[in-house]
């Protein structure tokens, strides 16, 4: 398995509206082969209110195939368009497990 992490910083006042889209995103992501490992909100400290998502894919080939499917998926594009005005920034990247990580 490989993992990708996403940090989404909501526009002030739009966090709850973004959270409401989670169900749609999860359904779409799973339809293209991604597995949502967890979704979190930073509740204290730097980044308070930031939303954090961890997705898993079987391997890099599966991840690449999923991204290509998403580019063509009308429902995904609709959700992205809906959430753009609510999103201040997104940071994402491949997560590499450390030697003591239970996720491999």
C-alpha atoms as a PDB file:
ATOM      1  CA  UNK A   1       0.000   0.000   0.000  1.00  0.00           C
ATOM      2  CA  UNK A   2       1.008   3.583  -0.563  1.00  0.00           C
ATOM      3  CA  UNK A   3      -0.434   6.584   1.214  1.00  0.00           C
ATOM      4  CA  UNK A   4      -1.107  10.167   0.246  1.00  0.00           C
ATOM      5  CA  UNK A   5      -1.820  12.965   2.681  1.00  0.00           C
ATOM      6  CA  UNK A   6      -3.850  16.078   2.009  1.00  0.00           C
ATOM      7  CA  UNK A   7      -4.097  19.182   4.183  1.00  0.00           C
ATOM      8  CA  UNK A   8      -6.975  21.470   3.288  1.00  0.00           C
ATOM      9  CA  UNK A   9      -7.110  24.945   4.821  1.00  0.00           C
ATOM     10  CA  UNK A  10     -10.655  26.288   4.675  1.00  0.00           C
ATOM     11  CA  UNK A  11     -11.513  29.892   3.933  1.00  0.00           C
ATOM     12  CA  UNK A  12     -12.536  31.483   7.270  1.00  0.00           C
ATOM     13  CA  UNK A  13     -16.137  30.563   8.039  1.00  0.00           C
ATOM     14  CA  UNK A  14     -16.282  27.731   5.459  1.00  0.00           C
ATOM     15  CA  UNK A  15     -14.873  24.789   7.446  1.00  0.00           C
ATOM     16  CA  UNK A  16     -18.257  23.232   8.249  1.00  0.00           C
ATOM     17  CA  UNK A  17     -19.409  23.545   4.639  1.00  0.00           C
ATOM     18  CA  UNK A  18     -16.237  21.752   3.505  1.00  0.00           C
ATOM     19  CA  UNK A  19     -16.754  19.001   6.061  1.00  0.00           C
ATOM     20  CA  UNK A  20     -20.265  18.459   4.682  1.00  0.00           C
ATOM     21  CA  UNK A  21     -18.741  17.463   1.325  1.00  0.00           C
ATOM     22  CA  UNK A  22     -16.717  14.600   2.876  1.00  0.00           C
ATOM     23  CA  UNK A  23     -19.346  11.955   2.175  1.00  0.00           C
ATOM     24  CA  UNK A  24     -19.472  12.796  -1.518  1.00  0.00           C
ATOM     25  CA  UNK A  25     -15.679  12.880  -1.801  1.00  0.00           C
ATOM     26  CA  UNK A  26     -15.352   9.514  -0.026  1.00  0.00           C
ATOM     27  CA  UNK A  27     -17.869   7.853  -2.333  1.00  0.00           C
ATOM     28  CA  UNK A  28     -16.163   9.247  -5.450  1.00  0.00           C
ATOM     29  CA  UNK A  29     -12.657   8.349  -4.272  1.00  0.00           C
ATOM     30  CA  UNK A  30     -13.664   4.796  -3.436  1.00  0.00           C
ATOM     31  CA  UNK A  31     -15.305   4.426  -6.857  1.00  0.00           C
ATOM     32  CA  UNK A  32     -11.893   4.962  -8.506  1.00  0.00           C
ATOM     33  CA  UNK A  33      -9.937   2.680  -6.186  1.00  0.00           C
ATOM     34  CA  UNK A  34      -8.783   4.966  -3.371  1.00  0.00           C
ATOM     35  CA  UNK A  35      -9.418   4.048   0.253  1.00  0.00           C
ATOM     36  CA  UNK A  36      -9.983   6.784   2.815  1.00  0.00           C
ATOM     37  CA  UNK A  37      -7.864   5.776   5.806  1.00  0.00           C
ATOM     38  CA  UNK A  38      -8.839   8.771   7.907  1.00  0.00           C
ATOM     39  CA  UNK A  39     -10.154  12.298   7.884  1.00  0.00           C
ATOM     40  CA  UNK A  40      -9.306  14.693  10.675  1.00  0.00           C
ATOM     41  CA  UNK A  41      -9.553  18.291  11.772  1.00  0.00           C
ATOM     42  CA  UNK A  42      -6.661  19.949  13.570  1.00  0.00           C
ATOM     43  CA  UNK A  43      -8.304  20.978  16.824  1.00  0.00           C
ATOM     44  CA  UNK A  44      -5.479  22.624  18.715  1.00  0.00           C
ATOM     45  CA  UNK A  45      -2.180  24.186  17.801  1.00  0.00           C
ATOM     46  CA  UNK A  46      -0.730  25.432  14.554  1.00  0.00           C
ATOM     47  CA  UNK A  47      -3.165  24.840  11.733  1.00  0.00           C
ATOM     48  CA  UNK A  48      -6.241  24.847  13.979  1.00  0.00           C
ATOM     49  CA  UNK A  49      -9.228  24.132  11.731  1.00  0.00           C
ATOM     50  CA  UNK A  50      -7.164  22.570   8.939  1.00  0.00           C
ATOM     51  CA  UNK A  51      -8.674  19.393   7.510  1.00  0.00           C
ATOM     52  CA  UNK A  52      -6.372  16.405   7.023  1.00  0.00           C
ATOM     53  CA  UNK A  53      -7.070  13.352   4.878  1.00  0.00           C
ATOM     54  CA  UNK A  54      -5.071  10.155   4.412  1.00  0.00           C
ATOM     55  CA  UNK A  55      -5.783   8.041   1.339  1.00  0.00           C
ATOM     56  CA  UNK A  56      -4.410   4.596   0.496  1.00  0.00           C
ATOM     57  CA  UNK A  57      -3.829   2.987  -2.870  1.00  0.00           C
ATOM     58  CA  UNK A  58      -2.651  -0.537  -3.675  1.00  0.00           C
ATOM     59  CA  UNK A  59       0.461   0.852  -5.410  1.00  0.00           C
ATOM     60  CA  UNK A  60       1.616   3.803  -7.505  1.00  0.00           C
ATOM     61  CA  UNK A  61       0.074   2.313 -10.648  1.00  0.00           C
ATOM     62  CA  UNK A  62      -3.321   2.176  -8.919  1.00  0.00           C
ATOM     63  CA  UNK A  63      -2.915   5.733  -7.629  1.00  0.00           C
ATOM     64  CA  UNK A  64      -2.049   7.036 -11.090  1.00  0.00           C
ATOM     65  CA  UNK A  65      -5.023   5.203 -12.614  1.00  0.00           C
ATOM     66  CA  UNK A  66      -7.339   6.636  -9.950  1.00  0.00           C
ATOM     67  CA  UNK A  67      -6.135  10.196 -10.603  1.00  0.00           C
ATOM     68  CA  UNK A  68      -6.708   9.759 -14.342  1.00  0.00           C
ATOM     69  CA  UNK A  69     -10.252   8.540 -13.662  1.00  0.00           C
ATOM     70  CA  UNK A  70     -10.902  11.517 -11.387  1.00  0.00           C
ATOM     71  CA  UNK A  71      -9.828  13.947 -14.108  1.00  0.00           C
ATOM     72  CA  UNK A  72     -12.687  12.597 -16.242  1.00  0.00           C
ATOM     73  CA  UNK A  73     -15.275  12.068 -13.488  1.00  0.00           C
ATOM     74  CA  UNK A  74     -18.083  14.628 -13.787  1.00  0.00           C
ATOM     75  CA  UNK A  75     -19.251  14.251 -10.174  1.00  0.00           C
ATOM     76  CA  UNK A  76     -15.700  14.739  -8.862  1.00  0.00           C
ATOM     77  CA  UNK A  77     -15.249  17.832 -11.010  1.00  0.00           C
ATOM     78  CA  UNK A  78     -18.569  19.162  -9.698  1.00  0.00           C
ATOM     79  CA  UNK A  79     -17.485  18.717  -6.059  1.00  0.00           C
ATOM     80  CA  UNK A  80     -14.095  20.303  -6.770  1.00  0.00           C
ATOM     81  CA  UNK A  81     -15.784  23.298  -8.362  1.00  0.00           C
ATOM     82  CA  UNK A  82     -18.221  23.566  -5.427  1.00  0.00           C
ATOM     83  CA  UNK A  83     -15.417  23.516  -2.843  1.00  0.00           C
ATOM     84  CA  UNK A  84     -12.912  25.808  -4.587  1.00  0.00           C
ATOM     85  CA  UNK A  85     -14.468  28.964  -3.125  1.00  0.00           C
ATOM     86  CA  UNK A  86     -14.371  27.381   0.354  1.00  0.00           C
ATOM     87  CA  UNK A  87     -10.709  26.344   0.159  1.00  0.00           C
ATOM     88  CA  UNK A  88      -7.835  28.699   0.976  1.00  0.00           C
ATOM     89  CA  UNK A  89      -5.098  26.155   0.188  1.00  0.00           C
ATOM     90  CA  UNK A  90      -4.327  22.475  -0.312  1.00  0.00           C
ATOM     91  CA  UNK A  91      -1.034  20.735   0.397  1.00  0.00           C
ATOM     92  CA  UNK A  92      -0.607  17.123  -0.597  1.00  0.00           C
ATOM     93  CA  UNK A  93       2.065  14.525  -1.014  1.00  0.00           C
ATOM     94  CA  UNK A  94       3.177  10.929  -0.901  1.00  0.00           C
ATOM     95  CA  UNK A  95       3.573   9.749   2.694  1.00  0.00           C
ATOM     96  CA  UNK A  96       6.570   7.487   3.265  1.00  0.00           C
ATOM     97  CA  UNK A  97       6.277   5.329   6.405  1.00  0.00           C
ATOM     98  CA  UNK A  98       8.992   5.587   9.004  1.00  0.00           C
ATOM     99  CA  UNK A  99      10.637   2.362  10.228  1.00  0.00           C
ATOM    100  CA  UNK A 100       8.379   2.164  13.317  1.00  0.00           C
ATOM    101  CA  UNK A 101       5.119   2.991  11.517  1.00  0.00           C
ATOM    102  CA  UNK A 102       2.303   0.431  11.884  1.00  0.00           C
ATOM    103  CA  UNK A 103       1.120   1.408   8.391  1.00  0.00           C
ATOM    104  CA  UNK A 104       3.322   0.006   5.644  1.00  0.00           C
END
